[in-house]
Amino acid sequence: MLRRLHHAMTGLMGLLILVIRYRGRFRNSYWRWRHETAFGVDQGRGAEDVDQWWAILDFGAWVWQMRRL
């Protein structure tokens, strides 16, 4: 439980770093490509909403860990 909470918090902090770095501009071609490769083009066939949010938090946690290297 505590590990999952820690992972969620580091994911949120990593996502916050991305928002600050990109100034909230996530509608460019790079971020569309990231979204399509992670979740596919067809939204109806993708992962469930909860799984998608955990995948986004995983990416944020990865960003946080890479920042600390």
PDB file of N, CA and C in Angstrom:
ATOM      1  N   MET A   1       0.812  -1.193   0.000  1.00  0.00           N
ATOM      2  CA  MET A   1       0.000   0.000   0.000  1.00  0.00           C
ATOM      3  C   MET A   1       0.857   1.259   0.000  1.00  0.00           C
ATOM      4  N   LEU A   2       1.853   1.285   0.881  1.00  0.00           N
ATOM      5  CA  LEU A   2       2.727   2.445   0.983  1.00  0.00           C
ATOM      6  C   LEU A   2       3.579   2.590  -0.272  1.00  0.00           C
ATOM      7  N   ARG A   3       4.011   1.486  -0.837  1.00  0.00           N
ATOM      8  CA  ARG A   3       4.804   1.522  -2.066  1.00  0.00           C
ATOM      9  C   ARG A   3       3.972   2.081  -3.222  1.00  0.00           C
ATOM     10  N   ARG A   4       2.710   1.695  -3.270  1.00  0.00           N
ATOM     11  CA  ARG A   4       1.827   2.180  -4.335  1.00  0.00           C
ATOM     12  C   ARG A   4       1.562   3.674  -4.184  1.00  0.00           C
ATOM     13  N   LEU A   5       1.404   4.137  -2.963  1.00  0.00           N
ATOM     14  CA  LEU A   5       1.216   5.555  -2.705  1.00  0.00           C
ATOM     15  C   LEU A   5       2.473   6.339  -3.086  1.00  0.00           C
ATOM     16  N   HIS A   6       3.632   5.810  -2.744  1.00  0.00           N
ATOM     17  CA  HIS A   6       4.893   6.457  -3.101  1.00  0.00           C
ATOM     18  C   HIS A   6       5.045   6.539  -4.614  1.00  0.00           C
ATOM     19  N   HIS A   7       4.684   5.468  -5.306  1.00  0.00           N
ATOM     20  CA  HIS A   7       4.773   5.441  -6.767  1.00  0.00           C
ATOM     21  C   HIS A   7       3.814   6.476  -7.375  1.00  0.00           C
ATOM     22  N   ALA A   8       2.628   6.587  -6.826  1.00  0.00           N
ATOM     23  CA  ALA A   8       1.665   7.574  -7.323  1.00  0.00           C
ATOM     24  C   ALA A   8       2.171   8.993  -7.078  1.00  0.00           C
ATOM     25  N   MET A   9       2.767   9.252  -5.931  1.00  0.00           N
ATOM     26  CA  MET A   9       3.272  10.589  -5.630  1.00  0.00           C
ATOM     27  C   MET A   9       4.452  10.952  -6.530  1.00  0.00           C
ATOM     28  N   THR A  10       5.378  10.018  -6.749  1.00  0.00           N
ATOM     29  CA  THR A  10       6.494  10.322  -7.644  1.00  0.00           C
ATOM     30  C   THR A  10       6.001  10.485  -9.075  1.00  0.00           C
ATOM     31  N   GLY A  11       4.959   9.753  -9.448  1.00  0.00           N
ATOM     32  CA  GLY A  11       4.371   9.919 -10.778  1.00  0.00           C
ATOM     33  C   GLY A  11       3.777  11.302 -10.950  1.00  0.00           C
ATOM     34  N   LEU A  12       3.068  11.774  -9.940  1.00  0.00           N
ATOM     35  CA  LEU A  12       2.489  13.117 -10.009  1.00  0.00           C
ATOM     36  C   LEU A  12       3.563  14.195 -10.042  1.00  0.00           C
ATOM     37  N   MET A  13       4.636  14.006  -9.284  1.00  0.00           N
ATOM     38  CA  MET A  13       5.713  14.988  -9.292  1.00  0.00           C
ATOM     39  C   MET A  13       6.425  14.992 -10.645  1.00  0.00           C
ATOM     40  N   GLY A  14       6.598  13.818 -11.248  1.00  0.00           N
ATOM     41  CA  GLY A  14       7.195  13.756 -12.578  1.00  0.00           C
ATOM     42  C   GLY A  14       6.321  14.428 -13.621  1.00  0.00           C
ATOM     43  N   LEU A  15       5.007  14.223 -13.524  1.00  0.00           N
ATOM     44  CA  LEU A  15       4.097  14.885 -14.456  1.00  0.00           C
ATOM     45  C   LEU A  15       4.100  16.397 -14.247  1.00  0.00           C
ATOM     46  N   LEU A  16       4.231  16.837 -13.009  1.00  0.00           N
ATOM     47  CA  LEU A  16       4.321  18.265 -12.721  1.00  0.00           C
ATOM     48  C   LEU A  16       5.575  18.860 -13.362  1.00  0.00           C
ATOM     49  N   ILE A  17       6.676  18.135 -13.312  1.00  0.00           N
ATOM     50  CA  ILE A  17       7.903  18.588 -13.965  1.00  0.00           C
ATOM     51  C   ILE A  17       7.676  18.762 -15.459  1.00  0.00           C
ATOM     52  N   LEU A  18       6.972  17.806 -16.076  1.00  0.00           N
ATOM     53  CA  LEU A  18       6.697  17.916 -17.514  1.00  0.00           C
ATOM     54  C   LEU A  18       5.804  19.104 -17.830  1.00  0.00           C
ATOM     55  N   VAL A  19       4.807  19.350 -16.986  1.00  0.00           N
ATOM     56  CA  VAL A  19       3.912  20.493 -17.214  1.00  0.00           C
ATOM     57  C   VAL A  19       4.696  21.798 -17.128  1.00  0.00           C
ATOM     58  N   ILE A  20       5.582  21.891 -16.166  1.00  0.00           N
ATOM     59  CA  ILE A  20       6.394  23.107 -16.028  1.00  0.00           C
ATOM     60  C   ILE A  20       7.353  23.237 -17.203  1.00  0.00           C
ATOM     61  N   ARG A  21       7.997  22.163 -17.574  1.00  0.00           N
ATOM     62  CA  ARG A  21       8.992  22.209 -18.647  1.00  0.00           C
ATOM     63  C   ARG A  21       8.361  22.550 -19.993  1.00  0.00           C
ATOM     64  N   TYR A  22       7.202  21.966 -20.286  1.00  0.00           N
ATOM     65  CA  TYR A  22       6.550  22.206 -21.573  1.00  0.00           C
ATOM     66  C   TYR A  22       5.508  23.314 -21.511  1.00  0.00           C
ATOM     67  N   ARG A  23       5.380  23.964 -20.365  1.00  0.00           N
ATOM     68  CA  ARG A  23       4.450  25.066 -20.160  1.00  0.00           C
ATOM     69  C   ARG A  23       3.017  24.695 -20.536  1.00  0.00           C
ATOM     70  N   GLY A  24       2.651  23.457 -20.302  1.00  0.00           N
ATOM     71  CA  GLY A  24       1.288  23.005 -20.541  1.00  0.00           C
ATOM     72  C   GLY A  24       0.955  22.732 -22.000  1.00  0.00           C
ATOM     73  N   ARG A  25       1.932  22.800 -22.898  1.00  0.00           N
ATOM     74  CA  ARG A  25       1.678  22.589 -24.326  1.00  0.00           C
ATOM     75  C   ARG A  25       1.948  21.123 -24.679  1.00  0.00           C
ATOM     76  N   PHE A  26       0.888  20.317 -24.644  1.00  0.00           N
ATOM     77  CA  PHE A  26       1.022  18.896 -24.924  1.00  0.00           C
ATOM     78  C   PHE A  26       0.283  18.477 -26.183  1.00  0.00           C
ATOM     79  N   ARG A  27      -0.098  19.415 -27.021  1.00  0.00           N
ATOM     80  CA  ARG A  27      -0.857  19.098 -28.228  1.00  0.00           C
ATOM     81  C   ARG A  27       0.007  19.137 -29.483  1.00  0.00           C
ATOM     82  N   ASN A  28       1.322  19.035 -29.352  1.00  0.00           N
ATOM     83  CA  ASN A  28       2.168  19.033 -30.534  1.00  0.00           C
ATOM     84  C   ASN A  28       2.351  17.611 -31.063  1.00  0.00           C
ATOM     85  N   SER A  29       3.078  17.467 -32.145  1.00  0.00           N
ATOM     86  CA  SER A  29       3.195  16.174 -32.814  1.00  0.00           C
ATOM     87  C   SER A  29       3.915  15.138 -31.946  1.00  0.00           C
ATOM     88  N   TYR A  30       4.909  15.552 -31.152  1.00  0.00           N
ATOM     89  CA  TYR A  30       5.635  14.602 -30.313  1.00  0.00           C
ATOM     90  C   TYR A  30       4.712  13.954 -29.276  1.00  0.00           C
ATOM     91  N   TRP A  31       3.923  14.757 -28.598  1.00  0.00           N
ATOM     92  CA  TRP A  31       3.059  14.208 -27.556  1.00  0.00           C
ATOM     93  C   TRP A  31       1.908  13.393 -28.132  1.00  0.00           C
ATOM     94  N   ARG A  32       1.426  13.770 -29.337  1.00  0.00           N
ATOM     95  CA  ARG A  32       0.423  12.934 -30.010  1.00  0.00           C
ATOM     96  C   ARG A  32       1.028  11.578 -30.358  1.00  0.00           C
ATOM     97  N   TRP A  33       2.281  11.597 -30.816  1.00  0.00           N
ATOM     98  CA  TRP A  33       2.963  10.339 -31.128  1.00  0.00           C
ATOM     99  C   TRP A  33       3.140   9.495 -29.870  1.00  0.00           C
ATOM    100  N   ARG A  34       3.542  10.088 -28.755  1.00  0.00           N
ATOM    101  CA  ARG A  34       3.701   9.357 -27.494  1.00  0.00           C
ATOM    102  C   ARG A  34       2.381   8.718 -27.077  1.00  0.00           C
ATOM    103  N   HIS A  35       1.296   9.452 -27.216  1.00  0.00           N
ATOM    104  CA  HIS A  35      -0.011   8.943 -26.819  1.00  0.00           C
ATOM    105  C   HIS A  35      -0.435   7.790 -27.733  1.00  0.00           C
ATOM    106  N   GLU A  36      -0.211   7.934 -29.036  1.00  0.00           N
ATOM    107  CA  GLU A  36      -0.600   6.875 -29.966  1.00  0.00           C
ATOM    108  C   GLU A  36       0.223   5.611 -29.762  1.00  0.00           C
ATOM    109  N   THR A  37       1.512   5.732 -29.483  1.00  0.00           N
ATOM    110  CA  THR A  37       2.325   4.543 -29.271  1.00  0.00           C
ATOM    111  C   THR A  37       2.018   3.880 -27.930  1.00  0.00           C
ATOM    112  N   ALA A  38       1.605   4.655 -26.951  1.00  0.00           N
ATOM    113  CA  ALA A  38       1.304   4.083 -25.643  1.00  0.00           C
ATOM    114  C   ALA A  38      -0.085   3.465 -25.595  1.00  0.00           C
ATOM    115  N   PHE A  39      -1.079   4.135 -26.199  1.00  0.00           N
ATOM    116  CA  PHE A  39      -2.467   3.715 -26.030  1.00  0.00           C
ATOM    117  C   PHE A  39      -3.162   3.357 -27.332  1.00  0.00           C
ATOM    118  N   GLY A  40      -2.525   3.580 -28.455  1.00  0.00           N
ATOM    119  CA  GLY A  40      -3.139   3.261 -29.738  1.00  0.00           C
ATOM    120  C   GLY A  40      -3.973   4.415 -30.266  1.00  0.00           C
ATOM    121  N   VAL A  41      -4.315   4.317 -31.549  1.00  0.00           N
ATOM    122  CA  VAL A  41      -5.082   5.380 -32.190  1.00  0.00           C
ATOM    123  C   VAL A  41      -6.554   5.283 -31.824  1.00  0.00           C
ATOM    124  N   ASP A  42      -7.095   4.075 -31.787  1.00  0.00           N
ATOM    125  CA  ASP A  42      -8.511   3.862 -31.503  1.00  0.00           C
ATOM    126  C   ASP A  42      -8.738   3.879 -29.997  1.00  0.00           C
ATOM    127  N   GLN A  43      -9.400   4.893 -29.502  1.00  0.00           N
ATOM    128  CA  GLN A  43      -9.624   5.026 -28.063  1.00  0.00           C
ATOM    129  C   GLN A  43     -10.581   3.975 -27.521  1.00  0.00           C
ATOM    130  N   GLY A  44     -11.480   3.460 -28.358  1.00  0.00           N
ATOM    131  CA  GLY A  44     -12.447   2.478 -27.886  1.00  0.00           C
ATOM    132  C   GLY A  44     -11.824   1.125 -27.579  1.00  0.00           C
ATOM    133  N   ARG A  45     -10.694   0.809 -28.205  1.00  0.00           N
ATOM    134  CA  ARG A  45     -10.042  -0.484 -28.014  1.00  0.00           C
ATOM    135  C   ARG A  45      -8.895  -0.431 -27.022  1.00  0.00           C
ATOM    136  N   GLY A  46      -8.642   0.710 -26.439  1.00  0.00           N
ATOM    137  CA  GLY A  46      -7.503   0.879 -25.537  1.00  0.00           C
ATOM    138  C   GLY A  46      -7.738   0.253 -24.172  1.00  0.00           C
ATOM    139  N   ALA A  47      -6.828   0.550 -23.281  1.00  0.00           N
ATOM    140  CA  ALA A  47      -6.926   0.054 -21.909  1.00  0.00           C
ATOM    141  C   ALA A  47      -8.075   0.755 -21.190  1.00  0.00           C
ATOM    142  N   GLU A  48      -8.487   0.174 -20.104  1.00  0.00           N
ATOM    143  CA  GLU A  48      -9.518   0.809 -19.292  1.00  0.00           C
ATOM    144  C   GLU A  48      -8.989   2.123 -18.724  1.00  0.00           C
ATOM    145  N   ASP A  49      -9.889   2.965 -18.299  1.00  0.00           N
ATOM    146  CA  ASP A  49      -9.500   4.288 -17.807  1.00  0.00           C
ATOM    147  C   ASP A  49      -8.541   4.201 -16.632  1.00  0.00           C
ATOM    148  N   VAL A  50      -8.795   3.301 -15.705  1.00  0.00           N
ATOM    149  CA  VAL A  50      -7.922   3.172 -14.528  1.00  0.00           C
ATOM    150  C   VAL A  50      -6.541   2.698 -14.949  1.00  0.00           C
ATOM    151  N   ASP A  51      -6.483   1.739 -15.850  1.00  0.00           N
ATOM    152  CA  ASP A  51      -5.191   1.253 -16.334  1.00  0.00           C
ATOM    153  C   ASP A  51      -4.440   2.343 -17.083  1.00  0.00           C
ATOM    154  N   GLN A  52      -5.165   3.154 -17.825  1.00  0.00           N
ATOM    155  CA  GLN A  52      -4.528   4.239 -18.563  1.00  0.00           C
ATOM    156  C   GLN A  52      -3.948   5.268 -17.598  1.00  0.00           C
ATOM    157  N   TRP A  53      -4.664   5.597 -16.543  1.00  0.00           N
ATOM    158  CA  TRP A  53      -4.140   6.550 -15.563  1.00  0.00           C
ATOM    159  C   TRP A  53      -2.917   6.004 -14.850  1.00  0.00           C
ATOM    160  N   TRP A  54      -2.921   4.700 -14.538  1.00  0.00           N
ATOM    161  CA  TRP A  54      -1.734   4.123 -13.904  1.00  0.00           C
ATOM    162  C   TRP A  54      -0.553   4.115 -14.862  1.00  0.00           C
ATOM    163  N   ALA A  55      -0.821   3.914 -16.148  1.00  0.00           N
ATOM    164  CA  ALA A  55       0.265   3.974 -17.132  1.00  0.00           C
ATOM    165  C   ALA A  55       0.833   5.390 -17.225  1.00  0.00           C
ATOM    166  N   ILE A  56      -0.027   6.393 -17.153  1.00  0.00           N
ATOM    167  CA  ILE A  56       0.437   7.777 -17.174  1.00  0.00           C
ATOM    168  C   ILE A  56       1.243   8.077 -15.914  1.00  0.00           C
ATOM    169  N   LEU A  57       0.791   7.592 -14.764  1.00  0.00           N
ATOM    170  CA  LEU A  57       1.556   7.782 -13.528  1.00  0.00           C
ATOM    171  C   LEU A  57       2.881   7.037 -13.579  1.00  0.00           C
ATOM    172  N   ASP A  58       2.912   5.862 -14.214  1.00  0.00           N
ATOM    173  CA  ASP A  58       4.173   5.145 -14.395  1.00  0.00           C
ATOM    174  C   ASP A  58       5.156   5.977 -15.205  1.00  0.00           C
ATOM    175  N   PHE A  59       4.661   6.605 -16.264  1.00  0.00           N
ATOM    176  CA  PHE A  59       5.515   7.471 -17.067  1.00  0.00           C
ATOM    177  C   PHE A  59       6.021   8.652 -16.240  1.00  0.00           C
ATOM    178  N   GLY A  60       5.148   9.240 -15.434  1.00  0.00           N
ATOM    179  CA  GLY A  60       5.570  10.340 -14.573  1.00  0.00           C
ATOM    180  C   GLY A  60       6.611   9.902 -13.555  1.00  0.00           C
ATOM    181  N   ALA A  61       6.446   8.707 -13.000  1.00  0.00           N
ATOM    182  CA  ALA A  61       7.436   8.186 -12.048  1.00  0.00           C
ATOM    183  C   ALA A  61       8.770   7.941 -12.746  1.00  0.00           C
ATOM    184  N   TRP A  62       8.717   7.470 -13.988  1.00  0.00           N
ATOM    185  CA  TRP A  62       9.946   7.264 -14.757  1.00  0.00           C
ATOM    186  C   TRP A  62      10.644   8.592 -15.000  1.00  0.00           C
ATOM    187  N   VAL A  63       9.869   9.640 -15.341  1.00  0.00           N
ATOM    188  CA  VAL A  63      10.454  10.972 -15.547  1.00  0.00           C
ATOM    189  C   VAL A  63      11.117  11.445 -14.265  1.00  0.00           C
ATOM    190  N   TRP A  64      10.459  11.233 -13.144  1.00  0.00           N
ATOM    191  CA  TRP A  64      11.018  11.657 -11.853  1.00  0.00           C
ATOM    192  C   TRP A  64      12.321  10.922 -11.560  1.00  0.00           C
ATOM    193  N   GLN A  65      12.369   9.621 -11.826  1.00  0.00           N
ATOM    194  CA  GLN A  65      13.584   8.852 -11.575  1.00  0.00           C
ATOM    195  C   GLN A  65      14.709   9.265 -12.509  1.00  0.00           C
ATOM    196  N   MET A  66      14.399   9.544 -13.778  1.00  0.00           N
ATOM    197  CA  MET A  66      15.424   9.955 -14.725  1.00  0.00           C
ATOM    198  C   MET A  66      15.976  11.332 -14.377  1.00  0.00           C
ATOM    199  N   ARG A  67      15.148  12.180 -13.804  1.00  0.00           N
ATOM    200  CA  ARG A  67      15.607  13.498 -13.393  1.00  0.00           C
ATOM    201  C   ARG A  67      16.627  13.392 -12.271  1.00  0.00           C
ATOM    202  N   ARG A  68      16.461  12.372 -11.455  1.00  0.00           N
ATOM    203  CA  ARG A  68      17.333  12.222 -10.284  1.00  0.00           C
ATOM    204  C   ARG A  68      18.650  11.554 -10.626  1.00  0.00           C
ATOM    205  N   LEU A  69      18.810  10.999 -11.828  1.00  0.00           N
ATOM    206  CA  LEU A  69      20.073  10.337 -12.195  1.00  0.00           C
ATOM    207  C   LEU A  69      21.177  11.304 -12.475  1.00  0.00           C
TER     208      LEU A  69
END
